[in-house]
Amino acid sequence: MPFPLGAVLAAAPGVISAAADIITAIKTRKKNTSPTSETSKLQELEELLEKQAQVLEELAKNNGQLAEAVRNNRIITMFSIGIAIGAVIVSLFF
């Protein structure tokens, strides 16, 4: 499925930032609360949310790297097409 490269590159920093904010908020909350005041179920949910935020951050980074690779691939393809067209033109004259 094709995707707009500009939209992916524009969205990646925001997704990474949001995931980092979630991780920071969870770590801050863990430091500020005592373990006796929270139930084990709430702690499990917090751990799950933290893991999901970390996975989301990794996916956003990988998505940004993929978008950059696609952009570089398009540049190399255009350069190759230009060389091929130049070769055809030169072969027509000689």
C-alpha atoms as a PDB file:
ATOM      1  CA  MET A   1       0.000   0.000   0.000  1.00  0.00           C
ATOM      2  CA  PRO A   2       1.569   3.291  -1.003  1.00  0.00           C
ATOM      3  CA  PHE A   3       1.838   5.956   1.610  1.00  0.00           C
ATOM      4  CA  PRO A   4       2.630   9.651   1.350  1.00  0.00           C
ATOM      5  CA  LEU A   5       6.263  10.076   2.281  1.00  0.00           C
ATOM      6  CA  GLY A   6       5.816  13.647   3.501  1.00  0.00           C
ATOM      7  CA  ALA A   7       3.040  12.687   5.894  1.00  0.00           C
ATOM      8  CA  VAL A   8       5.097   9.879   7.400  1.00  0.00           C
ATOM      9  CA  LEU A   9       8.146  12.080   7.861  1.00  0.00           C
ATOM     10  CA  ALA A  10       6.008  14.823   9.393  1.00  0.00           C
ATOM     11  CA  ALA A  11       4.198  12.480  11.805  1.00  0.00           C
ATOM     12  CA  ALA A  12       7.162  10.439  13.071  1.00  0.00           C
ATOM     13  CA  PRO A  13       8.613  13.063  15.466  1.00  0.00           C
ATOM     14  CA  GLY A  14       5.195  13.672  17.021  1.00  0.00           C
ATOM     15  CA  VAL A  15       4.596   9.973  17.604  1.00  0.00           C
ATOM     16  CA  ILE A  16       8.063   9.533  19.112  1.00  0.00           C
ATOM     17  CA  SER A  17       7.519  12.547  21.348  1.00  0.00           C
ATOM     18  CA  ALA A  18       4.126  11.280  22.541  1.00  0.00           C
ATOM     19  CA  ALA A  19       5.513   7.838  23.354  1.00  0.00           C
ATOM     20  CA  ALA A  20       8.437   9.397  25.233  1.00  0.00           C
ATOM     21  CA  ASP A  21       6.011  11.594  27.200  1.00  0.00           C
ATOM     22  CA  ILE A  22       3.943   8.548  28.176  1.00  0.00           C
ATOM     23  CA  ILE A  23       7.042   6.678  29.337  1.00  0.00           C
ATOM     24  CA  THR A  24       8.230   9.705  31.335  1.00  0.00           C
ATOM     25  CA  ALA A  25       4.817  10.187  32.951  1.00  0.00           C
ATOM     26  CA  ILE A  26       4.627   6.546  34.010  1.00  0.00           C
ATOM     27  CA  LYS A  27       8.146   6.575  35.469  1.00  0.00           C
ATOM     28  CA  THR A  28       7.416   9.815  37.350  1.00  0.00           C
ATOM     29  CA  ARG A  29       4.192   8.379  38.743  1.00  0.00           C
ATOM     30  CA  LYS A  30       5.974   5.213  39.849  1.00  0.00           C
ATOM     31  CA  LYS A  31       8.550   7.277  41.753  1.00  0.00           C
ATOM     32  CA  ASN A  32       5.972   9.529  43.451  1.00  0.00           C
ATOM     33  CA  THR A  33       3.554   6.858  44.677  1.00  0.00           C
ATOM     34  CA  SER A  34       4.081   4.277  47.335  1.00  0.00           C
ATOM     35  CA  PRO A  35       3.645   0.630  46.370  1.00  0.00           C
ATOM     36  CA  THR A  36       1.096   0.032  49.131  1.00  0.00           C
ATOM     37  CA  SER A  37      -1.384   2.578  47.773  1.00  0.00           C
ATOM     38  CA  GLU A  38      -1.827   0.915  44.380  1.00  0.00           C
ATOM     39  CA  THR A  39      -3.420  -2.384  43.599  1.00  0.00           C
ATOM     40  CA  SER A  40      -1.575  -5.040  41.672  1.00  0.00           C
ATOM     41  CA  LYS A  41      -4.035  -4.762  38.784  1.00  0.00           C
ATOM     42  CA  LEU A  42      -3.292  -1.055  38.379  1.00  0.00           C
ATOM     43  CA  GLN A  43       0.436  -1.790  38.428  1.00  0.00           C
ATOM     44  CA  GLU A  44      -0.016  -4.421  35.713  1.00  0.00           C
ATOM     45  CA  LEU A  45      -1.938  -1.938  33.579  1.00  0.00           C
ATOM     46  CA  GLU A  46       0.782   0.678  34.032  1.00  0.00           C
ATOM     47  CA  GLU A  47       3.470  -1.813  33.037  1.00  0.00           C
ATOM     48  CA  LEU A  48       1.454  -2.829  29.992  1.00  0.00           C
ATOM     49  CA  LEU A  49       0.952   0.796  29.000  1.00  0.00           C
ATOM     50  CA  GLU A  50       4.668   1.481  29.414  1.00  0.00           C
ATOM     51  CA  LYS A  51       5.554  -1.504  27.232  1.00  0.00           C
ATOM     52  CA  GLN A  52       3.065  -0.383  24.605  1.00  0.00           C
ATOM     53  CA  ALA A  53       4.529   3.121  24.618  1.00  0.00           C
ATOM     54  CA  GLN A  54       8.022   1.706  24.179  1.00  0.00           C
ATOM     55  CA  VAL A  55       6.873  -0.456  21.274  1.00  0.00           C
ATOM     56  CA  LEU A  56       5.095   2.541  19.762  1.00  0.00           C
ATOM     57  CA  GLU A  57       8.269   4.608  20.039  1.00  0.00           C
ATOM     58  CA  GLU A  58      10.326   1.874  18.370  1.00  0.00           C
ATOM     59  CA  LEU A  59       7.758   1.530  15.590  1.00  0.00           C
ATOM     60  CA  ALA A  60       7.754   5.273  14.989  1.00  0.00           C
ATOM     61  CA  LYS A  61      11.556   5.324  14.768  1.00  0.00           C
ATOM     62  CA  ASN A  62      11.553   2.366  12.378  1.00  0.00           C
ATOM     63  CA  ASN A  63       8.815   3.997  10.314  1.00  0.00           C
ATOM     64  CA  GLY A  64      10.896   7.169  10.024  1.00  0.00           C
ATOM     65  CA  GLN A  65      13.922   5.148   8.954  1.00  0.00           C
ATOM     66  CA  LEU A  66      11.805   3.297   6.403  1.00  0.00           C
ATOM     67  CA  ALA A  67      10.470   6.563   4.999  1.00  0.00           C
ATOM     68  CA  GLU A  68      14.023   7.888   4.687  1.00  0.00           C
ATOM     69  CA  ALA A  69      15.099   4.693   2.897  1.00  0.00           C
ATOM     70  CA  VAL A  70      12.183   5.028   0.471  1.00  0.00           C
ATOM     71  CA  ARG A  71      13.146   8.644  -0.228  1.00  0.00           C
ATOM     72  CA  ASN A  72      16.764   7.666  -0.868  1.00  0.00           C
ATOM     73  CA  ASN A  73      15.614   4.831  -3.111  1.00  0.00           C
ATOM     74  CA  ARG A  74      13.503   7.252  -5.162  1.00  0.00           C
ATOM     75  CA  ILE A  75      16.488   9.582  -5.574  1.00  0.00           C
ATOM     76  CA  ILE A  76      18.726   6.731  -6.733  1.00  0.00           C
ATOM     77  CA  THR A  77      16.016   5.515  -9.130  1.00  0.00           C
ATOM     78  CA  MET A  78      15.641   8.974 -10.674  1.00  0.00           C
ATOM     79  CA  PHE A  79      19.418   9.222 -11.075  1.00  0.00           C
ATOM     80  CA  SER A  80      19.501   5.793 -12.754  1.00  0.00           C
ATOM     81  CA  ILE A  81      16.659   6.724 -15.097  1.00  0.00           C
ATOM     82  CA  GLY A  82      18.516   9.912 -16.019  1.00  0.00           C
ATOM     83  CA  ILE A  83      21.654   7.944 -16.852  1.00  0.00           C
ATOM     84  CA  ALA A  84      19.610   5.486 -18.943  1.00  0.00           C
ATOM     85  CA  ILE A  85      17.927   8.300 -20.877  1.00  0.00           C
ATOM     86  CA  GLY A  86      21.327   9.916 -21.418  1.00  0.00           C
ATOM     87  CA  ALA A  87      22.716   6.622 -22.719  1.00  0.00           C
ATOM     88  CA  VAL A  88      19.819   6.250 -25.169  1.00  0.00           C
ATOM     89  CA  ILE A  89      20.318   9.789 -26.440  1.00  0.00           C
ATOM     90  CA  VAL A  90      24.066   9.252 -26.888  1.00  0.00           C
ATOM     91  CA  SER A  91      23.459   5.941 -28.686  1.00  0.00           C
ATOM     92  CA  LEU A  92      21.077   7.629 -31.126  1.00  0.00           C
ATOM     93  CA  PHE A  93      23.747  10.106 -32.202  1.00  0.00           C
ATOM     94  CA  PHE A  94      26.566   7.576 -32.641  1.00  0.00           C
END
